[in-house]
N, C-alpha and C. Protein backbone atom coordinates (compact mmCIF):
# COMPACT_ATOMS: atom_id res chain seq x y z
N UNK A 1 148.29 191.03 5.08
CA UNK A 1 149.58 190.40 5.03
C UNK A 1 149.63 189.31 6.09
N UNK A 2 150.07 188.14 5.71
CA UNK A 2 150.11 187.02 6.63
C UNK A 2 151.42 187.01 7.40
N UNK A 3 151.35 186.70 8.70
CA UNK A 3 152.56 186.69 9.50
C UNK A 3 153.45 185.50 9.15
N UNK A 4 154.77 185.69 9.30
CA UNK A 4 155.70 184.60 9.04
C UNK A 4 156.57 184.29 10.24
N UNK A 5 156.79 185.31 11.11
CA UNK A 5 157.61 185.11 12.30
C UNK A 5 156.89 185.65 13.52
N UNK A 6 157.17 185.05 14.66
CA UNK A 6 156.56 185.43 15.93
C UNK A 6 157.01 186.84 16.33
N UNK A 7 156.07 187.72 16.70
CA UNK A 7 156.47 189.05 17.12
C UNK A 7 157.19 189.05 18.47
N UNK A 8 157.00 188.00 19.26
CA UNK A 8 157.63 187.93 20.57
C UNK A 8 159.06 187.44 20.54
N UNK A 9 159.29 186.26 19.93
CA UNK A 9 160.63 185.67 19.97
C UNK A 9 161.30 185.58 18.60
N UNK A 10 160.55 185.81 17.51
CA UNK A 10 161.13 185.79 16.17
C UNK A 10 161.19 184.41 15.53
N UNK A 11 160.68 183.39 16.19
CA UNK A 11 160.68 182.03 15.63
C UNK A 11 159.62 181.88 14.54
N UNK A 12 159.66 180.76 13.87
CA UNK A 12 158.72 180.48 12.78
C UNK A 12 157.32 180.22 13.31
N UNK A 13 156.31 180.71 12.57
CA UNK A 13 154.91 180.45 12.90
C UNK A 13 154.38 179.33 12.03
N UNK A 14 153.58 178.44 12.61
CA UNK A 14 152.95 177.35 11.87
C UNK A 14 151.44 177.47 12.06
N UNK A 15 150.68 176.89 11.13
CA UNK A 15 149.23 176.93 11.22
C UNK A 15 148.76 176.17 12.44
N UNK A 16 147.75 176.71 13.11
CA UNK A 16 147.16 176.07 14.28
C UNK A 16 145.68 175.81 14.01
N UNK A 17 145.11 174.90 14.73
CA UNK A 17 143.69 174.57 14.57
C UNK A 17 142.82 175.65 15.19
N UNK A 18 141.68 175.88 14.56
CA UNK A 18 140.69 176.81 15.08
C UNK A 18 139.53 176.01 15.63
N UNK A 19 138.88 176.51 16.66
CA UNK A 19 137.68 175.88 17.18
C UNK A 19 136.49 176.23 16.29
N UNK A 20 135.35 175.64 16.58
CA UNK A 20 134.15 175.86 15.76
C UNK A 20 133.73 177.33 15.79
N UNK A 21 133.70 177.92 16.96
CA UNK A 21 133.29 179.32 17.08
C UNK A 21 134.31 180.27 16.44
N UNK A 22 135.59 179.96 16.58
CA UNK A 22 136.62 180.82 16.00
C UNK A 22 136.61 180.80 14.48
N UNK A 23 136.07 179.78 13.87
CA UNK A 23 136.01 179.73 12.40
C UNK A 23 135.11 180.81 11.84
N UNK A 24 134.16 181.30 12.62
CA UNK A 24 133.30 182.39 12.17
C UNK A 24 134.06 183.71 12.04
N UNK A 25 135.06 183.90 12.90
CA UNK A 25 135.74 185.19 12.96
C UNK A 25 137.17 185.18 12.43
N UNK A 26 137.79 184.02 12.36
CA UNK A 26 139.19 183.94 11.96
C UNK A 26 139.35 183.25 10.62
N UNK A 27 140.26 183.77 9.79
CA UNK A 27 140.64 183.09 8.55
C UNK A 27 141.66 182.02 8.88
N UNK A 28 142.68 182.43 9.63
CA UNK A 28 143.75 181.50 10.01
C UNK A 28 144.21 181.81 11.42
N UNK A 29 144.80 180.81 12.03
CA UNK A 29 145.42 180.99 13.34
C UNK A 29 146.81 180.38 13.27
N UNK A 30 147.80 181.13 13.73
CA UNK A 30 149.18 180.68 13.72
C UNK A 30 149.68 180.51 15.15
N UNK A 31 150.60 179.57 15.34
CA UNK A 31 151.20 179.33 16.65
C UNK A 31 152.71 179.31 16.49
N UNK A 32 153.40 179.94 17.43
CA UNK A 32 154.86 179.97 17.42
C UNK A 32 155.40 178.60 17.84
N UNK A 33 156.41 178.13 17.14
CA UNK A 33 157.02 176.83 17.42
C UNK A 33 157.72 176.86 18.78
N UNK A 34 158.33 177.99 19.09
CA UNK A 34 159.16 178.08 20.30
C UNK A 34 158.36 178.47 21.55
N UNK A 35 157.69 179.61 21.52
CA UNK A 35 157.01 180.11 22.72
C UNK A 35 155.52 179.77 22.78
N UNK A 36 154.96 179.13 21.76
CA UNK A 36 153.56 178.69 21.70
C UNK A 36 152.56 179.85 21.70
N UNK A 37 153.01 181.06 21.41
CA UNK A 37 152.14 182.23 21.32
C UNK A 37 151.30 182.12 20.05
N UNK A 38 150.04 182.53 20.08
CA UNK A 38 149.18 182.45 18.90
C UNK A 38 148.99 183.84 18.29
N UNK A 39 148.79 183.86 16.97
CA UNK A 39 148.50 185.08 16.24
C UNK A 39 147.35 184.77 15.29
N UNK A 40 146.33 185.63 15.31
CA UNK A 40 145.12 185.40 14.54
C UNK A 40 145.02 186.34 13.36
N UNK A 41 144.42 185.87 12.26
CA UNK A 41 144.12 186.68 11.09
C UNK A 41 142.60 186.68 10.96
N UNK A 42 141.99 187.86 11.17
CA UNK A 42 140.53 187.97 11.21
C UNK A 42 139.92 188.05 9.81
N UNK A 43 138.66 187.67 9.75
CA UNK A 43 137.92 187.73 8.49
C UNK A 43 137.73 189.18 8.06
N UNK A 44 137.60 189.38 6.76
CA UNK A 44 137.54 190.72 6.20
C UNK A 44 136.18 191.37 6.39
N UNK A 45 135.14 190.60 6.68
CA UNK A 45 133.83 191.22 6.84
C UNK A 45 133.70 191.94 8.17
N UNK A 46 134.72 191.90 9.00
CA UNK A 46 134.70 192.62 10.27
C UNK A 46 135.27 194.04 10.13
N UNK A 47 135.75 194.42 8.96
CA UNK A 47 136.34 195.75 8.77
C UNK A 47 135.25 196.79 8.50
N UNK A 48 135.60 198.06 8.63
CA UNK A 48 134.65 199.15 8.44
C UNK A 48 134.61 199.66 7.00
N UNK A 49 135.51 199.20 6.15
CA UNK A 49 135.52 199.61 4.75
C UNK A 49 135.45 198.36 3.88
N UNK A 50 135.03 198.54 2.64
CA UNK A 50 134.87 197.41 1.72
C UNK A 50 136.22 196.77 1.41
N UNK A 51 136.24 195.45 1.47
CA UNK A 51 137.44 194.67 1.13
C UNK A 51 136.98 193.44 0.36
N UNK A 52 137.86 192.91 -0.45
CA UNK A 52 137.54 191.69 -1.19
C UNK A 52 137.39 190.55 -0.19
N UNK A 53 136.29 189.79 -0.26
CA UNK A 53 136.10 188.69 0.69
C UNK A 53 137.05 187.52 0.46
N UNK A 54 137.69 187.46 -0.68
CA UNK A 54 138.59 186.36 -0.99
C UNK A 54 140.03 186.66 -0.60
N UNK A 55 140.55 187.81 -1.06
CA UNK A 55 141.97 188.11 -0.83
C UNK A 55 142.21 189.28 0.12
N UNK A 56 141.18 190.05 0.45
CA UNK A 56 141.33 191.17 1.37
C UNK A 56 141.80 192.47 0.73
N UNK A 57 141.88 192.51 -0.59
CA UNK A 57 142.33 193.70 -1.30
C UNK A 57 141.36 194.86 -1.05
N UNK A 58 141.89 196.06 -0.83
CA UNK A 58 141.06 197.24 -0.61
C UNK A 58 140.91 198.09 -1.86
N UNK A 59 141.70 197.83 -2.87
CA UNK A 59 141.61 198.61 -4.10
C UNK A 59 140.57 197.96 -5.01
N UNK A 60 139.35 198.43 -4.88
CA UNK A 60 138.21 197.85 -5.57
C UNK A 60 137.64 198.83 -6.58
N UNK A 61 136.92 198.29 -7.55
CA UNK A 61 136.30 199.09 -8.59
C UNK A 61 134.79 198.85 -8.53
N UNK A 62 134.03 199.92 -8.64
CA UNK A 62 132.57 199.81 -8.63
C UNK A 62 132.10 199.51 -10.06
N UNK A 63 131.28 198.47 -10.22
CA UNK A 63 130.77 198.08 -11.54
C UNK A 63 129.35 198.61 -11.73
N UNK A 64 129.01 198.90 -12.97
CA UNK A 64 127.65 199.36 -13.28
C UNK A 64 126.68 198.20 -13.39
N UNK A 65 127.18 197.08 -13.93
CA UNK A 65 126.31 195.90 -14.07
C UNK A 65 127.15 194.64 -13.95
N UNK A 66 126.48 193.53 -13.77
CA UNK A 66 127.13 192.23 -13.59
C UNK A 66 127.89 191.83 -14.85
N UNK A 67 129.10 191.33 -14.69
CA UNK A 67 129.92 190.85 -15.79
C UNK A 67 129.84 189.32 -15.80
N UNK A 68 129.25 188.71 -16.83
CA UNK A 68 129.09 187.25 -16.83
C UNK A 68 130.39 186.47 -16.95
N UNK A 69 131.48 187.12 -17.36
CA UNK A 69 132.75 186.42 -17.50
C UNK A 69 133.41 186.21 -16.14
N UNK A 70 133.38 187.23 -15.28
CA UNK A 70 133.99 187.14 -13.96
C UNK A 70 133.08 186.37 -13.01
N UNK A 71 133.67 185.74 -12.00
CA UNK A 71 132.86 184.97 -11.06
C UNK A 71 132.26 185.88 -10.00
N UNK A 72 131.12 185.46 -9.46
CA UNK A 72 130.39 186.21 -8.45
C UNK A 72 130.51 185.49 -7.11
N UNK A 73 130.78 186.24 -6.06
CA UNK A 73 130.90 185.69 -4.71
C UNK A 73 129.49 185.36 -4.22
N UNK A 74 129.21 184.09 -4.03
CA UNK A 74 127.88 183.64 -3.64
C UNK A 74 127.85 183.26 -2.17
N UNK A 75 127.88 184.28 -1.34
CA UNK A 75 127.80 184.13 0.09
C UNK A 75 126.46 184.68 0.54
N UNK A 76 125.78 184.10 1.53
CA UNK A 76 124.48 184.63 1.97
C UNK A 76 124.54 186.11 2.38
N UNK A 77 125.62 186.53 3.01
CA UNK A 77 125.74 187.93 3.42
C UNK A 77 125.85 188.84 2.20
N UNK A 78 126.63 188.45 1.21
CA UNK A 78 126.78 189.25 -0.01
C UNK A 78 125.47 189.29 -0.80
N UNK A 79 124.79 188.18 -0.88
CA UNK A 79 123.53 188.14 -1.63
C UNK A 79 122.43 188.92 -0.91
N UNK A 80 122.46 188.95 0.42
CA UNK A 80 121.52 189.78 1.18
C UNK A 80 121.78 191.25 0.91
N UNK A 81 123.04 191.62 0.81
CA UNK A 81 123.37 193.01 0.50
C UNK A 81 122.94 193.37 -0.92
N UNK A 82 122.94 192.41 -1.82
CA UNK A 82 122.45 192.66 -3.18
C UNK A 82 120.95 192.98 -3.15
N UNK A 83 120.21 192.28 -2.29
CA UNK A 83 118.78 192.56 -2.15
C UNK A 83 118.53 193.94 -1.55
N UNK A 84 119.49 194.42 -0.76
CA UNK A 84 119.40 195.75 -0.16
C UNK A 84 119.94 196.83 -1.10
N UNK A 85 120.19 196.46 -2.35
CA UNK A 85 120.68 197.35 -3.41
C UNK A 85 122.07 197.90 -3.14
N UNK A 86 122.93 197.06 -2.62
CA UNK A 86 124.33 197.44 -2.42
C UNK A 86 125.03 197.51 -3.77
N UNK A 87 126.06 198.34 -3.88
CA UNK A 87 126.80 198.42 -5.15
C UNK A 87 127.58 197.15 -5.43
N UNK A 88 127.71 196.83 -6.72
CA UNK A 88 128.49 195.68 -7.15
C UNK A 88 129.95 196.11 -7.26
N UNK A 89 130.84 195.42 -6.57
CA UNK A 89 132.25 195.75 -6.55
C UNK A 89 133.05 194.66 -7.23
N UNK A 90 134.24 195.02 -7.74
CA UNK A 90 135.10 194.08 -8.45
C UNK A 90 136.52 194.21 -7.92
N UNK A 91 137.14 193.08 -7.62
CA UNK A 91 138.54 193.03 -7.19
C UNK A 91 139.38 192.64 -8.39
N UNK A 92 140.34 193.47 -8.75
CA UNK A 92 141.20 193.16 -9.88
C UNK A 92 142.23 192.10 -9.54
N UNK A 93 142.56 191.97 -8.26
CA UNK A 93 143.56 190.99 -7.83
C UNK A 93 143.13 189.56 -8.06
N UNK A 94 141.91 189.22 -7.62
CA UNK A 94 141.45 187.84 -7.78
C UNK A 94 140.27 187.73 -8.73
N UNK A 95 139.89 188.84 -9.37
CA UNK A 95 138.84 188.88 -10.38
C UNK A 95 137.51 188.36 -9.84
N UNK A 96 137.12 188.88 -8.70
CA UNK A 96 135.89 188.47 -8.03
C UNK A 96 134.93 189.65 -7.97
N UNK A 97 133.64 189.37 -8.24
CA UNK A 97 132.58 190.36 -8.10
C UNK A 97 131.80 190.05 -6.83
N UNK A 98 131.41 191.10 -6.10
CA UNK A 98 130.64 190.90 -4.88
C UNK A 98 129.88 192.17 -4.55
N UNK A 99 128.85 192.04 -3.73
CA UNK A 99 128.05 193.17 -3.28
C UNK A 99 128.48 193.55 -1.88
N UNK A 100 128.60 194.88 -1.63
CA UNK A 100 129.02 195.34 -0.31
C UNK A 100 128.48 196.73 -0.05
N UNK A 101 127.88 196.93 1.13
CA UNK A 101 127.32 198.21 1.52
C UNK A 101 128.34 199.15 2.16
N UNK A 102 129.47 198.64 2.57
CA UNK A 102 130.47 199.46 3.25
C UNK A 102 131.12 200.43 2.26
N UNK A 103 131.61 201.57 2.75
CA UNK A 103 132.23 202.56 1.85
C UNK A 103 133.57 202.05 1.30
N UNK A 104 133.90 202.53 0.10
CA UNK A 104 135.18 202.20 -0.51
C UNK A 104 136.29 203.05 0.09
N UNK A 105 137.49 202.51 0.09
CA UNK A 105 138.66 203.26 0.54
C UNK A 105 139.02 204.28 -0.53
N UNK A 106 139.50 205.46 -0.14
CA UNK A 106 139.95 206.42 -1.16
C UNK A 106 141.05 205.82 -2.02
N UNK A 107 141.24 206.35 -3.22
CA UNK A 107 142.18 205.78 -4.19
C UNK A 107 143.60 205.73 -3.66
N UNK A 108 144.07 206.76 -3.01
CA UNK A 108 145.41 206.77 -2.43
C UNK A 108 145.31 206.89 -0.92
N UNK A 109 146.39 206.68 -0.22
CA UNK A 109 146.37 206.80 1.23
C UNK A 109 145.96 208.21 1.66
N UNK A 110 146.35 209.21 0.88
CA UNK A 110 146.04 210.59 1.21
C UNK A 110 144.78 211.08 0.49
N UNK A 111 144.06 210.21 -0.20
CA UNK A 111 142.84 210.58 -0.89
C UNK A 111 143.05 211.06 -2.31
N UNK A 112 144.29 211.19 -2.77
CA UNK A 112 144.58 211.63 -4.13
C UNK A 112 144.59 210.41 -5.05
N UNK A 113 143.84 210.41 -6.15
CA UNK A 113 143.86 209.26 -7.05
C UNK A 113 145.26 208.96 -7.57
N UNK A 114 145.52 207.69 -7.84
CA UNK A 114 146.84 207.26 -8.29
C UNK A 114 147.26 207.93 -9.60
N UNK A 115 146.32 208.22 -10.49
CA UNK A 115 146.67 208.83 -11.77
C UNK A 115 147.24 210.23 -11.57
N UNK A 116 146.69 210.97 -10.64
CA UNK A 116 147.17 212.34 -10.40
C UNK A 116 148.52 212.34 -9.72
N UNK A 117 148.80 211.34 -8.90
CA UNK A 117 150.09 211.26 -8.23
C UNK A 117 151.21 211.00 -9.21
N UNK A 118 150.98 210.08 -10.14
CA UNK A 118 152.05 209.69 -11.07
C UNK A 118 152.12 210.57 -12.29
N UNK A 119 151.06 211.36 -12.53
CA UNK A 119 151.08 212.23 -13.69
C UNK A 119 150.65 211.54 -14.97
N UNK A 120 150.02 210.37 -14.88
CA UNK A 120 149.58 209.63 -16.06
C UNK A 120 148.15 209.94 -16.43
N UNK A 121 147.64 211.02 -15.94
CA UNK A 121 146.26 211.40 -16.20
C UNK A 121 146.08 211.84 -17.64
N UNK A 122 144.90 211.59 -18.20
CA UNK A 122 144.61 212.02 -19.57
C UNK A 122 144.42 213.53 -19.64
N UNK A 123 144.01 214.14 -18.52
CA UNK A 123 143.77 215.58 -18.51
C UNK A 123 145.07 216.38 -18.63
N UNK A 124 146.19 215.79 -18.20
CA UNK A 124 147.45 216.52 -18.23
C UNK A 124 148.08 216.54 -19.62
N UNK A 125 147.53 215.82 -20.58
CA UNK A 125 148.11 215.78 -21.93
C UNK A 125 147.57 216.86 -22.81
């Protein structure tokens, strides 16, 4: 989730410039108009669980094989993971396929799949 207001004074945040080194680790940097405080949004490859490299979505689906209709994330890190036989993952939010060795997040916050929580499971019929 992207910040919209400063946590310190509540004023509006605007985009700020990143340095060359910070571009490796930050997606965006925001600066408060009033107090000049900065707030950073870090890249998703720094997390311990698999996330979509484009939108940061954690609700991913594991694919059995490459889908030629959907686009593939062609990043050197993702392609290196493909050579290491990482699973192919798919983000439904931005329809992106990518390879990632990190573990997937459980289906629900408490580990219970969404179908069982809502009762829409096929087994319950």
